[in-house]
Amino acid sequence: MKVKYFTETDTLFIQLNDRETVESKELNENILLDIDRDGKVVSLTIEHAMAQSGKPEFSYETLKAGNVNWQSCWDK
């Protein structure tokens, strides 16, 4: 998985795998989902990411599944 943030355009790109994209779906005017031939998600692009999040910075955490309180992750 690769996560890239482009400061010039406030765009967040999340690539989940290296499969070939065969279809792109616009979820709304700021979110684009790329799908492979099996219907699995390849990547996600979010335009105006910082503006939409209301957060002044980008960060991420790698967590072990057994140590995650998912509700607290979404409340941040």
C-alpha atoms as a PDB file:
ATOM      1  CA  MET A   1       0.000   0.000   0.000  1.00  0.00           C
ATOM      2  CA  LYS A   2       1.189   3.499  -0.828  1.00  0.00           C
ATOM      3  CA  VAL A   3      -0.169   6.789   0.484  1.00  0.00           C
ATOM      4  CA  LYS A   4       0.805  10.055  -1.198  1.00  0.00           C
ATOM      5  CA  TYR A   5      -0.251  13.587  -0.339  1.00  0.00           C
ATOM      6  CA  PHE A   6       0.250  16.344  -2.905  1.00  0.00           C
ATOM      7  CA  THR A   7       0.430  19.700  -1.105  1.00  0.00           C
ATOM      8  CA  GLU A   8       0.153  21.771  -4.292  1.00  0.00           C
ATOM      9  CA  THR A   9      -3.310  20.403  -5.077  1.00  0.00           C
ATOM     10  CA  ASP A  10      -4.403  19.220  -1.595  1.00  0.00           C
ATOM     11  CA  THR A  11      -4.870  15.732  -3.048  1.00  0.00           C
ATOM     12  CA  LEU A  12      -4.597  12.468  -1.124  1.00  0.00           C
ATOM     13  CA  PHE A  13      -3.869   9.319  -3.175  1.00  0.00           C
ATOM     14  CA  ILE A  14      -4.139   5.886  -1.553  1.00  0.00           C
ATOM     15  CA  GLN A  15      -2.968   2.952  -3.667  1.00  0.00           C
ATOM     16  CA  LEU A  16      -3.947  -0.396  -2.183  1.00  0.00           C
ATOM     17  CA  ASN A  17      -2.310  -2.648  -4.787  1.00  0.00           C
ATOM     18  CA  ASP A  18      -0.647  -2.709  -8.220  1.00  0.00           C
ATOM     19  CA  ARG A  19      -3.559  -4.220 -10.139  1.00  0.00           C
ATOM     20  CA  GLU A  20      -4.624  -2.654 -13.411  1.00  0.00           C
ATOM     21  CA  THR A  21      -7.492  -0.185 -13.131  1.00  0.00           C
ATOM     22  CA  VAL A  22     -10.309  -0.973 -15.545  1.00  0.00           C
ATOM     23  CA  GLU A  23     -12.918   1.419 -14.179  1.00  0.00           C
ATOM     24  CA  SER A  24     -12.986   4.656 -12.207  1.00  0.00           C
ATOM     25  CA  LYS A  25     -16.059   5.596 -10.211  1.00  0.00           C
ATOM     26  CA  GLU A  26     -16.737   9.126  -9.055  1.00  0.00           C
ATOM     27  CA  LEU A  27     -18.244   8.811  -5.580  1.00  0.00           C
ATOM     28  CA  ASN A  28     -18.776  12.575  -5.407  1.00  0.00           C
ATOM     29  CA  GLU A  29     -17.120  15.640  -6.934  1.00  0.00           C
ATOM     30  CA  ASN A  30     -14.009  15.149  -4.743  1.00  0.00           C
ATOM     31  CA  ILE A  31     -13.594  11.362  -4.433  1.00  0.00           C
ATOM     32  CA  LEU A  32     -12.560   8.946  -7.186  1.00  0.00           C
ATOM     33  CA  LEU A  33     -12.397   5.158  -6.708  1.00  0.00           C
ATOM     34  CA  ASP A  34     -10.369   2.964  -9.090  1.00  0.00           C
ATOM     35  CA  ILE A  35     -11.529  -0.647  -9.568  1.00  0.00           C
ATOM     36  CA  ASP A  36      -9.815  -3.692 -11.114  1.00  0.00           C
ATOM     37  CA  ARG A  37     -11.459  -6.256 -13.426  1.00  0.00           C
ATOM     38  CA  ASP A  38     -12.582  -8.337 -10.426  1.00  0.00           C
ATOM     39  CA  GLY A  39     -14.378  -5.368  -8.852  1.00  0.00           C
ATOM     40  CA  LYS A  40     -11.756  -4.867  -6.147  1.00  0.00           C
ATOM     41  CA  VAL A  41     -10.536  -1.417  -5.130  1.00  0.00           C
ATOM     42  CA  VAL A  42      -7.143  -0.472  -6.560  1.00  0.00           C
ATOM     43  CA  SER A  43      -6.878   3.116  -5.336  1.00  0.00           C
ATOM     44  CA  LEU A  44      -8.734   6.079  -3.915  1.00  0.00           C
ATOM     45  CA  THR A  45      -8.147   9.744  -4.758  1.00  0.00           C
ATOM     46  CA  ILE A  46      -9.490  12.505  -2.521  1.00  0.00           C
ATOM     47  CA  GLU A  47      -9.356  16.069  -3.824  1.00  0.00           C
ATOM     48  CA  HIS A  48      -9.274  18.952  -1.298  1.00  0.00           C
ATOM     49  CA  ALA A  49      -8.328  16.381   1.379  1.00  0.00           C
ATOM     50  CA  MET A  50      -7.102  18.777   4.077  1.00  0.00           C
ATOM     51  CA  ALA A  51      -9.954  21.184   3.458  1.00  0.00           C
ATOM     52  CA  GLN A  52     -12.480  18.340   3.788  1.00  0.00           C
ATOM     53  CA  SER A  53     -10.886  16.923   6.929  1.00  0.00           C
ATOM     54  CA  GLY A  54     -10.548  20.241   8.718  1.00  0.00           C
ATOM     55  CA  LYS A  55      -7.115  19.066   9.913  1.00  0.00           C
ATOM     56  CA  PRO A  56      -3.985  21.199   9.347  1.00  0.00           C
ATOM     57  CA  GLU A  57      -1.637  18.223   8.899  1.00  0.00           C
ATOM     58  CA  PHE A  58      -1.347  14.733   7.441  1.00  0.00           C
ATOM     59  CA  SER A  59      -0.295  11.772   9.573  1.00  0.00           C
ATOM     60  CA  TYR A  60      -0.862   8.027   9.687  1.00  0.00           C
ATOM     61  CA  GLU A  61      -0.406   5.154  12.094  1.00  0.00           C
ATOM     62  CA  THR A  62       0.278   1.477  11.563  1.00  0.00           C
ATOM     63  CA  LEU A  63      -1.691  -0.499  14.139  1.00  0.00           C
ATOM     64  CA  LYS A  64      -1.854  -4.184  15.008  1.00  0.00           C
ATOM     65  CA  ALA A  65      -5.381  -5.552  14.590  1.00  0.00           C
ATOM     66  CA  GLY A  66      -5.621  -6.869  18.150  1.00  0.00           C
ATOM     67  CA  ASN A  67      -4.760  -3.490  19.651  1.00  0.00           C
ATOM     68  CA  VAL A  68      -7.268  -1.333  17.793  1.00  0.00           C
ATOM     69  CA  ASN A  69     -10.341   0.320  19.220  1.00  0.00           C
ATOM     70  CA  TRP A  70     -11.990   1.137  15.882  1.00  0.00           C
ATOM     71  CA  GLN A  71     -14.488   3.584  17.352  1.00  0.00           C
ATOM     72  CA  SER A  72     -11.696   5.735  18.788  1.00  0.00           C
ATOM     73  CA  CYS A  73      -9.955   5.729  15.369  1.00  0.00           C
ATOM     74  CA  TRP A  74     -13.010   7.229  13.693  1.00  0.00           C
ATOM     75  CA  ASP A  75     -13.568   9.790  16.457  1.00  0.00           C
ATOM     76  CA  LYS A  76     -10.205  11.516  15.820  1.00  0.00           C
END
